[in-house]
Amino acid sequence: MRARRVENFAFLHEKLQRCNHFSFKANPVAVPLCYPYLGAPAGMREELRAQRIYTPSYWPEVATTESMPDFERTVPGSTVFLPCDQRLSRAQLDMMVRSLLDRRT
């Protein structure tokens, strides 16, 4: 399970890191829950959901908290947390990547 999640995360990172506005270095000992993609086009979460790919939403209250800095307020709405769990095949991951990259162009 661990190895598959790490492999899936690495695949997503390899394909998406150039256009991901969230720059990070993957921790080689961590077991990722998802791949955070900052800068997702509007409606991307819904498009993925239509393909039966469900993405979690984190921190919805941050977007409406007036005391929060501007950048932090935009993160919940402009970040898609792509699943990378062990049940996903390479073909499914590739479909997610293509959907995301096709929407950017």
N, C-alpha and C. Protein backbone atom coordinates (compact mmCIF):
# COMPACT_ATOMS: atom_id res chain seq x y z
N MET A 1 0.83 -1.19 0.00
CA MET A 1 0.00 0.00 0.00
C MET A 1 0.88 1.26 0.00
N ARG A 2 1.86 1.30 0.89
CA ARG A 2 2.74 2.47 0.98
C ARG A 2 3.45 2.73 -0.34
N ALA A 3 4.05 1.67 -0.89
CA ALA A 3 4.83 1.83 -2.12
C ALA A 3 3.95 2.34 -3.27
N ARG A 4 2.73 1.84 -3.36
CA ARG A 4 1.84 2.26 -4.45
C ARG A 4 1.46 3.74 -4.30
N ARG A 5 1.17 4.18 -3.09
CA ARG A 5 0.85 5.60 -2.87
C ARG A 5 2.03 6.49 -3.23
N VAL A 6 3.21 6.09 -2.82
CA VAL A 6 4.41 6.88 -3.12
C VAL A 6 4.63 6.92 -4.63
N GLU A 7 4.47 5.79 -5.31
CA GLU A 7 4.62 5.75 -6.77
C GLU A 7 3.58 6.65 -7.46
N ASN A 8 2.34 6.58 -7.01
CA ASN A 8 1.29 7.39 -7.62
C ASN A 8 1.54 8.87 -7.40
N PHE A 9 1.96 9.23 -6.20
CA PHE A 9 2.29 10.62 -5.91
C PHE A 9 3.43 11.09 -6.80
N ALA A 10 4.46 10.28 -6.93
CA ALA A 10 5.62 10.63 -7.76
C ALA A 10 5.20 10.81 -9.22
N PHE A 11 4.31 9.97 -9.70
CA PHE A 11 3.82 10.10 -11.08
C PHE A 11 3.10 11.44 -11.26
N LEU A 12 2.19 11.76 -10.34
CA LEU A 12 1.47 13.03 -10.44
C LEU A 12 2.42 14.21 -10.35
N HIS A 13 3.38 14.13 -9.46
CA HIS A 13 4.34 15.22 -9.29
C HIS A 13 5.20 15.40 -10.55
N GLU A 14 5.62 14.30 -11.13
CA GLU A 14 6.43 14.37 -12.35
C GLU A 14 5.66 15.05 -13.48
N LYS A 15 4.39 14.72 -13.60
CA LYS A 15 3.58 15.25 -14.70
C LYS A 15 3.08 16.67 -14.46
N LEU A 16 2.89 17.06 -13.20
CA LEU A 16 2.22 18.32 -12.91
C LEU A 16 3.08 19.40 -12.25
N GLN A 17 4.27 19.06 -11.80
CA GLN A 17 5.05 20.02 -11.03
C GLN A 17 5.38 21.30 -11.80
N ARG A 18 5.52 21.21 -13.13
CA ARG A 18 5.86 22.40 -13.92
C ARG A 18 4.76 23.46 -13.89
N CYS A 19 3.52 23.03 -13.76
CA CYS A 19 2.42 23.99 -13.78
C CYS A 19 1.74 24.13 -12.43
N ASN A 20 2.22 23.43 -11.42
CA ASN A 20 1.67 23.54 -10.08
C ASN A 20 2.23 24.80 -9.43
N HIS A 21 1.36 25.66 -8.94
CA HIS A 21 1.81 26.90 -8.29
C HIS A 21 2.29 26.65 -6.86
N PHE A 22 2.10 25.45 -6.38
CA PHE A 22 2.59 25.07 -5.06
C PHE A 22 3.88 24.30 -5.26
N SER A 23 4.98 24.92 -4.93
CA SER A 23 6.28 24.30 -5.14
C SER A 23 6.72 23.61 -3.85
N PHE A 24 7.11 22.37 -3.96
CA PHE A 24 7.55 21.62 -2.79
C PHE A 24 8.46 20.49 -3.22
N LYS A 25 9.19 19.98 -2.28
CA LYS A 25 10.02 18.80 -2.51
C LYS A 25 9.38 17.65 -1.75
N ALA A 26 9.11 16.57 -2.46
CA ALA A 26 8.46 15.42 -1.83
C ALA A 26 9.37 14.80 -0.79
N ASN A 27 8.80 14.42 0.33
CA ASN A 27 9.53 13.76 1.40
C ASN A 27 9.61 12.27 1.08
N PRO A 28 10.80 11.72 0.92
CA PRO A 28 10.93 10.32 0.49
C PRO A 28 10.42 9.29 1.49
N VAL A 29 10.25 9.66 2.75
CA VAL A 29 9.76 8.69 3.74
C VAL A 29 8.28 8.88 4.07
N ALA A 30 7.67 9.93 3.56
CA ALA A 30 6.26 10.18 3.84
C ALA A 30 5.36 9.32 2.95
N VAL A 31 4.20 9.00 3.45
CA VAL A 31 3.18 8.28 2.68
C VAL A 31 2.07 9.29 2.40
N PRO A 32 1.98 9.77 1.17
CA PRO A 32 1.06 10.87 0.87
C PRO A 32 -0.41 10.44 0.88
N LEU A 33 -1.24 11.37 1.30
CA LEU A 33 -2.68 11.20 1.28
C LEU A 33 -3.25 11.62 -0.07
N CYS A 34 -2.67 12.69 -0.63
CA CYS A 34 -3.14 13.24 -1.90
C CYS A 34 -2.03 14.11 -2.50
N TYR A 35 -2.28 14.57 -3.74
CA TYR A 35 -1.32 15.46 -4.39
C TYR A 35 -1.95 16.85 -4.46
N PRO A 36 -1.38 17.84 -3.77
CA PRO A 36 -1.96 19.19 -3.78
C PRO A 36 -1.57 19.95 -5.05
N TYR A 37 -2.57 20.34 -5.83
CA TYR A 37 -2.33 21.08 -7.06
C TYR A 37 -2.94 22.47 -6.92
N LEU A 38 -2.09 23.46 -6.74
CA LEU A 38 -2.53 24.84 -6.58
C LEU A 38 -2.56 25.52 -7.94
N GLY A 39 -3.67 26.18 -8.22
CA GLY A 39 -3.82 26.87 -9.50
C GLY A 39 -4.75 26.12 -10.44
N ALA A 40 -5.59 25.28 -9.88
CA ALA A 40 -6.52 24.50 -10.69
C ALA A 40 -7.55 25.43 -11.34
N PRO A 41 -7.90 25.15 -12.59
CA PRO A 41 -8.92 25.96 -13.26
C PRO A 41 -10.27 25.85 -12.55
N ALA A 42 -11.06 26.90 -12.65
CA ALA A 42 -12.39 26.89 -12.06
C ALA A 42 -13.18 25.72 -12.62
N GLY A 43 -13.90 25.03 -11.77
CA GLY A 43 -14.72 23.91 -12.20
C GLY A 43 -13.99 22.59 -12.32
N MET A 44 -12.72 22.58 -12.00
CA MET A 44 -11.94 21.35 -12.15
C MET A 44 -12.44 20.25 -11.22
N ARG A 45 -12.75 20.59 -9.99
CA ARG A 45 -13.23 19.60 -9.03
C ARG A 45 -14.53 18.95 -9.55
N GLU A 46 -15.40 19.76 -10.12
CA GLU A 46 -16.66 19.24 -10.64
C GLU A 46 -16.42 18.35 -11.87
N GLU A 47 -15.48 18.75 -12.71
CA GLU A 47 -15.16 17.92 -13.89
C GLU A 47 -14.62 16.56 -13.47
N LEU A 48 -13.75 16.55 -12.49
CA LEU A 48 -13.22 15.29 -12.00
C LEU A 48 -14.33 14.45 -11.36
N ARG A 49 -15.22 15.11 -10.63
CA ARG A 49 -16.33 14.40 -10.00
C ARG A 49 -17.21 13.73 -11.06
N ALA A 50 -17.41 14.40 -12.20
CA ALA A 50 -18.20 13.83 -13.29
C ALA A 50 -17.53 12.56 -13.85
N GLN A 51 -16.22 12.46 -13.67
CA GLN A 51 -15.48 11.26 -14.09
C GLN A 51 -15.35 10.25 -12.95
N ARG A 52 -16.08 10.49 -11.87
CA ARG A 52 -16.08 9.65 -10.68
C ARG A 52 -14.74 9.67 -9.95
N ILE A 53 -14.07 10.80 -10.03
CA ILE A 53 -12.83 11.02 -9.28
C ILE A 53 -13.18 12.05 -8.21
N TYR A 54 -13.15 11.62 -6.98
CA TYR A 54 -13.57 12.49 -5.88
C TYR A 54 -12.36 13.09 -5.19
N THR A 55 -12.40 14.41 -5.05
CA THR A 55 -11.30 15.14 -4.43
C THR A 55 -11.80 15.80 -3.15
N PRO A 56 -11.04 15.72 -2.08
CA PRO A 56 -11.48 16.34 -0.84
C PRO A 56 -11.36 17.86 -0.89
N SER A 57 -12.16 18.50 -0.07
CA SER A 57 -12.06 19.95 0.10
C SER A 57 -11.57 20.20 1.52
N TYR A 58 -10.54 20.97 1.65
CA TYR A 58 -10.00 21.30 2.97
C TYR A 58 -10.20 22.78 3.27
N TRP A 59 -10.40 23.10 4.50
CA TRP A 59 -10.46 24.45 5.02
C TRP A 59 -11.49 25.36 4.32
N PRO A 60 -12.72 24.94 4.14
CA PRO A 60 -13.69 25.80 3.44
C PRO A 60 -13.96 27.12 4.17
N GLU A 61 -13.82 27.11 5.48
CA GLU A 61 -14.08 28.33 6.25
C GLU A 61 -13.02 29.41 6.04
N VAL A 62 -11.84 29.02 5.59
CA VAL A 62 -10.75 29.98 5.39
C VAL A 62 -11.11 31.01 4.30
N ALA A 63 -11.80 30.57 3.27
CA ALA A 63 -12.13 31.45 2.15
C ALA A 63 -13.03 32.61 2.57
N THR A 64 -13.78 32.44 3.62
CA THR A 64 -14.71 33.50 4.05
C THR A 64 -14.27 34.20 5.34
N THR A 65 -13.10 33.89 5.82
CA THR A 65 -12.60 34.53 7.04
C THR A 65 -11.90 35.82 6.66
N GLU A 66 -12.51 36.94 6.98
CA GLU A 66 -11.98 38.24 6.56
C GLU A 66 -10.61 38.56 7.13
N SER A 67 -10.29 38.02 8.29
CA SER A 67 -8.99 38.31 8.90
C SER A 67 -7.85 37.51 8.28
N MET A 68 -8.19 36.59 7.41
CA MET A 68 -7.18 35.74 6.77
C MET A 68 -6.49 36.52 5.65
N PRO A 69 -5.18 36.38 5.49
CA PRO A 69 -4.48 37.04 4.36
C PRO A 69 -5.04 36.56 3.02
N ASP A 70 -4.91 37.39 2.00
CA ASP A 70 -5.49 37.11 0.68
C ASP A 70 -5.06 35.76 0.12
N PHE A 71 -3.77 35.47 0.17
CA PHE A 71 -3.30 34.21 -0.40
C PHE A 71 -3.99 33.02 0.26
N GLU A 72 -4.02 33.00 1.58
CA GLU A 72 -4.62 31.89 2.30
C GLU A 72 -6.10 31.75 1.97
N ARG A 73 -6.78 32.86 1.75
CA ARG A 73 -8.21 32.82 1.40
C ARG A 73 -8.45 32.18 0.04
N THR A 74 -7.47 32.25 -0.86
CA THR A 74 -7.65 31.67 -2.20
C THR A 74 -7.31 30.19 -2.26
N VAL A 75 -6.55 29.69 -1.31
CA VAL A 75 -6.08 28.30 -1.37
C VAL A 75 -7.23 27.28 -1.44
N PRO A 76 -8.26 27.35 -0.60
CA PRO A 76 -9.30 26.31 -0.68
C PRO A 76 -10.01 26.25 -2.04
N GLY A 77 -10.21 27.37 -2.69
CA GLY A 77 -10.92 27.38 -3.96
C GLY A 77 -10.06 27.13 -5.18
N SER A 78 -8.75 27.31 -5.05
CA SER A 78 -7.89 27.16 -6.22
C SER A 78 -6.94 25.96 -6.11
N THR A 79 -7.17 25.12 -5.13
CA THR A 79 -6.35 23.93 -4.96
C THR A 79 -7.22 22.69 -5.10
N VAL A 80 -6.77 21.77 -5.92
CA VAL A 80 -7.42 20.47 -6.02
C VAL A 80 -6.47 19.46 -5.41
N PHE A 81 -7.00 18.68 -4.49
CA PHE A 81 -6.20 17.66 -3.82
C PHE A 81 -6.48 16.33 -4.52
N LEU A 82 -5.60 15.99 -5.45
CA LEU A 82 -5.79 14.82 -6.29
C LEU A 82 -5.51 13.54 -5.51
N PRO A 83 -6.40 12.56 -5.61
CA PRO A 83 -6.15 11.30 -4.90
C PRO A 83 -4.96 10.57 -5.50
N CYS A 84 -4.21 9.90 -4.65
CA CYS A 84 -3.07 9.10 -5.13
C CYS A 84 -3.03 7.76 -4.40
N ASP A 85 -4.19 7.32 -3.96
CA ASP A 85 -4.19 6.09 -3.16
C ASP A 85 -3.91 4.85 -3.99
N GLN A 86 -3.70 3.76 -3.29
CA GLN A 86 -3.23 2.52 -3.89
C GLN A 86 -4.23 1.87 -4.83
N ARG A 87 -5.48 2.26 -4.79
CA ARG A 87 -6.50 1.66 -5.66
C ARG A 87 -6.45 2.20 -7.08
N LEU A 88 -5.78 3.33 -7.28
CA LEU A 88 -5.76 3.98 -8.59
C LEU A 88 -4.71 3.37 -9.51
N SER A 89 -5.12 3.13 -10.73
CA SER A 89 -4.19 2.60 -11.74
C SER A 89 -3.46 3.75 -12.41
N ARG A 90 -2.42 3.41 -13.13
CA ARG A 90 -1.68 4.42 -13.89
C ARG A 90 -2.58 5.08 -14.93
N ALA A 91 -3.48 4.32 -15.53
CA ALA A 91 -4.42 4.87 -16.52
C ALA A 91 -5.35 5.90 -15.87
N GLN A 92 -5.81 5.64 -14.67
CA GLN A 92 -6.67 6.59 -13.97
C GLN A 92 -5.91 7.86 -13.62
N LEU A 93 -4.67 7.69 -13.17
CA LEU A 93 -3.84 8.86 -12.86
C LEU A 93 -3.58 9.67 -14.12
N ASP A 94 -3.31 8.98 -15.20
CA ASP A 94 -3.05 9.67 -16.47
C ASP A 94 -4.29 10.44 -16.93
N MET A 95 -5.47 9.88 -16.72
CA MET A 95 -6.72 10.56 -17.08
C MET A 95 -6.88 11.85 -16.25
N MET A 96 -6.53 11.79 -14.96
CA MET A 96 -6.60 12.99 -14.12
C MET A 96 -5.64 14.05 -14.64
N VAL A 97 -4.43 13.64 -14.95
CA VAL A 97 -3.41 14.58 -15.44
C VAL A 97 -3.88 15.21 -16.75
N ARG A 98 -4.35 14.39 -17.68
CA ARG A 98 -4.81 14.93 -18.97
C ARG A 98 -5.98 15.90 -18.80
N SER A 99 -6.92 15.56 -17.92
CA SER A 99 -8.06 16.44 -17.67
C SER A 99 -7.59 17.79 -17.16
N LEU A 100 -6.66 17.75 -16.24
CA LEU A 100 -6.15 18.99 -15.65
C LEU A 100 -5.36 19.81 -16.68
N LEU A 101 -4.47 19.17 -17.39
CA LEU A 101 -3.65 19.89 -18.37
C LEU A 101 -4.48 20.38 -19.56
N ASP A 102 -5.47 19.62 -19.98
CA ASP A 102 -6.34 20.07 -21.08
C ASP A 102 -7.12 21.32 -20.70
N ARG A 103 -7.52 21.43 -19.45
CA ARG A 103 -8.27 22.59 -18.98
C ARG A 103 -7.40 23.84 -18.88
N ARG A 104 -6.11 23.65 -18.74
CA ARG A 104 -5.19 24.79 -18.60
C ARG A 104 -4.94 25.47 -19.92
N THR A 105 -5.09 24.76 -21.04
CA THR A 105 -4.74 25.32 -22.34
C THR A 105 -5.93 25.95 -23.03
